[in-house]
Amino acid sequence: MRISLESGHAQATARGYHSPMTHLRTRLAAAAIAITTALAAAPVHAQVPRPRAWTLTVAGEALHAGADSWGYGPRLALRRDFGPAWGVELTAALPAFGTNSGGAALDLAATYTDLHGPTEVGGTLGGTAFLVGDQSELTGGGIGVVVGAHVTQWAAPSVGFTLGATVRTAIGVFPSVYAGLTLRF
């Protein structure tokens, strides 16, 4: 169908639709749709968080070392994530200060983390080498298994607060809890 402007009125003919203004309008509409789509896709893509591969946690740990014995001290954990959920973590804990008891541990564990908005929930399972003492006696430790869980609330994209619990076992079972600051880089 062809439209031509004559005397201010549009007339249609059966030959086709050719007009320089129509071609210009069609091209402008296509360009507007393409630009709008491109601009709308950029913010949607930017909203998907890209987790950083490394996480460092600096915390204080409390270790249950015996019947009425607790050890307190620093904990340092470095995690490397491989993909959106799985990773590996190396932890050094020295809860050696307390009521004449404490311990030292070096853990290497596989990790699984899941993000729910600004909250990260995770777990660890791996090996540990640790020593635990109570009243100046060696009461447990050795090479064994470590199991843990944590919750991190991210206050910013790279800074969060972590609460967690760990159980180490070889000769004896020794639970601990920790709280601290976590950094992503």
Protein backbone atom coordinates (compact mmCIF):
# COMPACT_ATOMS: atom_id res chain seq x y z
CA MET A 1 0.00 0.00 0.00
CA ARG A 2 1.32 3.44 -0.89
CA ILE A 3 0.53 6.66 0.94
CA SER A 4 1.10 9.99 -0.66
CA LEU A 5 0.31 13.44 0.60
CA GLU A 6 -1.75 15.48 -1.77
CA SER A 7 -3.73 18.54 -0.73
CA GLY A 8 -3.07 17.72 2.92
CA HIS A 9 -4.79 14.30 2.74
CA ALA A 10 -3.25 10.86 2.68
CA GLN A 11 -4.20 8.60 -0.15
CA ALA A 12 -3.46 4.89 -0.28
CA THR A 13 -2.61 2.98 -3.39
CA ALA A 14 -2.04 -0.73 -3.90
CA ARG A 15 1.58 -0.41 -5.11
CA GLY A 16 3.45 -0.26 -1.75
CA TYR A 17 4.39 2.07 1.02
CA HIS A 18 7.26 4.41 0.11
CA SER A 19 7.93 7.73 1.74
CA PRO A 20 11.18 9.28 2.90
CA MET A 21 9.48 10.41 6.13
CA THR A 22 8.15 6.92 6.78
CA HIS A 23 11.60 5.38 6.32
CA LEU A 24 13.09 7.99 8.65
CA ARG A 25 10.43 7.37 11.31
CA THR A 26 10.94 3.59 11.05
CA ARG A 27 14.68 3.95 11.45
CA LEU A 28 14.32 6.37 14.38
CA ALA A 29 11.87 3.99 16.09
CA ALA A 30 14.24 1.03 15.60
CA ALA A 31 17.16 3.09 16.96
CA ALA A 32 15.10 4.19 19.97
CA ILE A 33 14.14 0.58 20.74
CA ALA A 34 17.76 -0.58 20.40
CA ILE A 35 19.08 2.22 22.65
CA THR A 36 16.36 1.68 25.26
CA THR A 37 17.04 -2.06 25.31
CA ALA A 38 20.79 -1.51 25.67
CA LEU A 39 20.35 1.04 28.46
CA ALA A 40 17.85 -1.15 30.32
CA ALA A 41 20.10 -4.22 30.08
CA ALA A 42 23.11 -2.43 31.62
CA PRO A 43 21.50 -1.75 35.05
CA VAL A 44 20.01 -5.25 35.18
CA HIS A 45 23.46 -6.70 34.52
CA ALA A 46 24.99 -4.38 37.13
CA GLN A 47 22.56 -5.61 39.81
CA VAL A 48 23.91 -9.17 39.63
CA PRO A 49 26.65 -9.29 42.29
CA ARG A 50 29.98 -10.63 41.16
CA PRO A 51 31.51 -12.19 44.25
CA ARG A 52 35.18 -11.65 44.70
CA ALA A 53 37.35 -14.74 44.82
CA TRP A 54 39.14 -14.17 48.16
CA THR A 55 37.71 -13.74 51.65
CA LEU A 56 39.70 -12.95 54.79
CA THR A 57 38.15 -13.36 58.25
CA VAL A 58 39.76 -11.95 61.40
CA ALA A 59 37.91 -13.11 64.50
CA GLY A 60 38.05 -13.98 68.15
CA GLU A 61 37.46 -17.65 68.99
CA ALA A 62 36.33 -19.36 72.20
CA LEU A 63 37.25 -23.08 72.51
CA HIS A 64 35.65 -25.48 74.95
CA ALA A 65 38.74 -27.32 76.17
CA GLY A 66 37.38 -29.36 79.08
CA ALA A 67 34.63 -29.72 81.66
CA ASP A 68 34.88 -26.15 82.94
CA SER A 69 37.70 -24.90 80.76
CA TRP A 70 37.57 -22.40 77.93
CA GLY A 71 40.34 -20.97 75.80
CA TYR A 72 40.12 -17.61 74.03
CA GLY A 73 42.21 -16.14 71.26
CA PRO A 74 42.58 -14.99 67.66
CA ARG A 75 41.40 -16.76 64.54
CA LEU A 76 42.50 -15.97 60.98
CA ALA A 77 40.84 -17.63 57.95
CA LEU A 78 41.59 -17.19 54.25
CA ARG A 79 39.06 -18.56 51.75
CA ARG A 80 39.41 -18.90 47.98
CA ASP A 81 36.12 -19.37 46.12
CA PHE A 82 35.94 -21.38 42.91
CA GLY A 83 32.65 -20.48 41.28
CA PRO A 84 29.51 -19.20 42.98
CA ALA A 85 29.36 -21.66 45.90
CA TRP A 86 32.42 -23.89 46.38
CA GLY A 87 35.83 -22.98 47.73
CA VAL A 88 38.68 -23.93 50.05
CA GLU A 89 39.63 -22.33 53.37
CA LEU A 90 42.83 -22.28 55.41
CA THR A 91 42.30 -21.39 59.07
CA ALA A 92 44.79 -20.74 61.87
CA ALA A 93 43.26 -20.47 65.34
CA LEU A 94 45.05 -19.87 68.63
CA PRO A 95 42.48 -19.86 71.44
CA ALA A 96 45.27 -20.38 73.97
CA PHE A 97 44.38 -17.76 76.56
CA GLY A 98 41.79 -18.52 79.19
CA THR A 99 41.20 -20.42 82.42
CA ASN A 100 44.48 -22.38 82.31
CA SER A 101 43.36 -24.02 79.07
CA GLY A 102 43.36 -23.45 75.36
CA GLY A 103 44.49 -24.79 72.06
CA ALA A 104 45.99 -24.23 68.66
CA ALA A 105 44.62 -25.42 65.33
CA LEU A 106 45.44 -25.37 61.63
CA ASP A 107 42.48 -26.34 59.41
CA LEU A 108 42.21 -26.96 55.68
CA ALA A 109 38.64 -27.45 54.54
CA ALA A 110 36.32 -27.43 51.56
CA THR A 111 33.66 -24.72 51.82
CA TYR A 112 30.15 -24.25 50.51
CA THR A 113 28.50 -20.82 50.72
CA ASP A 114 25.09 -19.55 49.67
CA LEU A 115 24.12 -15.88 49.38
CA HIS A 116 20.64 -14.70 50.37
CA GLY A 117 20.76 -10.98 49.62
CA PRO A 118 23.35 -9.44 51.97
CA THR A 119 23.48 -12.61 54.11
CA GLU A 120 25.93 -15.44 53.42
CA VAL A 121 25.41 -18.86 54.99
CA GLY A 122 28.20 -21.41 54.70
CA GLY A 123 29.70 -24.62 55.90
CA THR A 124 33.12 -26.28 55.98
CA LEU A 125 34.36 -29.85 56.10
CA GLY A 126 38.00 -30.83 56.09
CA GLY A 127 41.08 -31.81 57.98
CA THR A 128 42.66 -30.30 61.06
CA ALA A 129 45.87 -30.52 63.03
CA PHE A 130 45.33 -29.28 66.57
CA LEU A 131 46.37 -29.50 70.21
CA VAL A 132 44.19 -28.84 73.24
CA GLY A 133 45.36 -28.45 76.83
CA ASP A 134 43.59 -28.18 80.15
CA GLN A 135 45.32 -27.25 83.40
CA SER A 136 48.77 -27.66 81.80
CA GLU A 137 47.95 -31.15 80.50
CA LEU A 138 47.57 -32.17 76.89
CA THR A 139 43.97 -33.43 76.77
CA GLY A 140 43.33 -33.89 73.09
CA GLY A 141 44.20 -33.09 69.55
CA GLY A 142 46.04 -34.69 66.73
CA ILE A 143 45.15 -34.91 63.08
CA GLY A 144 41.41 -35.19 62.58
CA VAL A 145 38.26 -33.78 61.10
CA VAL A 146 36.88 -30.25 61.29
CA VAL A 147 33.23 -29.32 60.62
CA GLY A 148 31.96 -25.77 60.76
CA ALA A 149 29.18 -23.36 59.88
CA HIS A 150 29.02 -19.59 59.63
CA VAL A 151 26.71 -16.69 58.86
CA THR A 152 28.10 -13.46 57.42
CA GLN A 153 26.06 -10.28 57.18
CA TRP A 154 27.60 -8.08 54.46
CA ALA A 155 27.39 -4.42 55.47
CA ALA A 156 29.07 -3.35 52.20
CA PRO A 157 30.13 -5.28 49.08
CA SER A 158 33.49 -6.12 50.63
CA VAL A 159 33.00 -5.79 54.42
CA GLY A 160 30.90 -8.05 56.63
CA PHE A 161 30.43 -9.38 60.14
CA THR A 162 30.70 -13.13 60.78
CA LEU A 163 29.42 -15.50 63.46
CA GLY A 164 30.34 -19.17 63.33
CA ALA A 165 30.90 -22.45 65.10
CA THR A 166 33.45 -25.21 64.57
CA VAL A 167 33.86 -28.73 65.91
CA ARG A 168 37.29 -30.37 65.77
CA THR A 169 37.73 -34.04 66.55
CA ALA A 170 40.60 -36.51 66.67
CA ILE A 171 41.34 -37.52 70.27
CA GLY A 172 38.32 -35.87 71.87
CA VAL A 173 35.65 -33.54 70.51
CA PHE A 174 36.25 -29.81 70.90
CA PRO A 175 33.59 -27.27 69.88
CA SER A 176 34.33 -23.58 69.44
CA VAL A 177 32.50 -20.41 68.47
CA TYR A 178 33.85 -17.28 66.83
CA ALA A 179 32.84 -13.77 65.80
CA GLY A 180 34.70 -11.23 63.72
CA LEU A 181 35.15 -9.09 60.64
CA THR A 182 35.23 -10.48 57.09
CA LEU A 183 36.76 -8.77 54.05
CA ARG A 184 36.30 -9.74 50.37
CA PHE A 185 38.93 -8.90 47.80
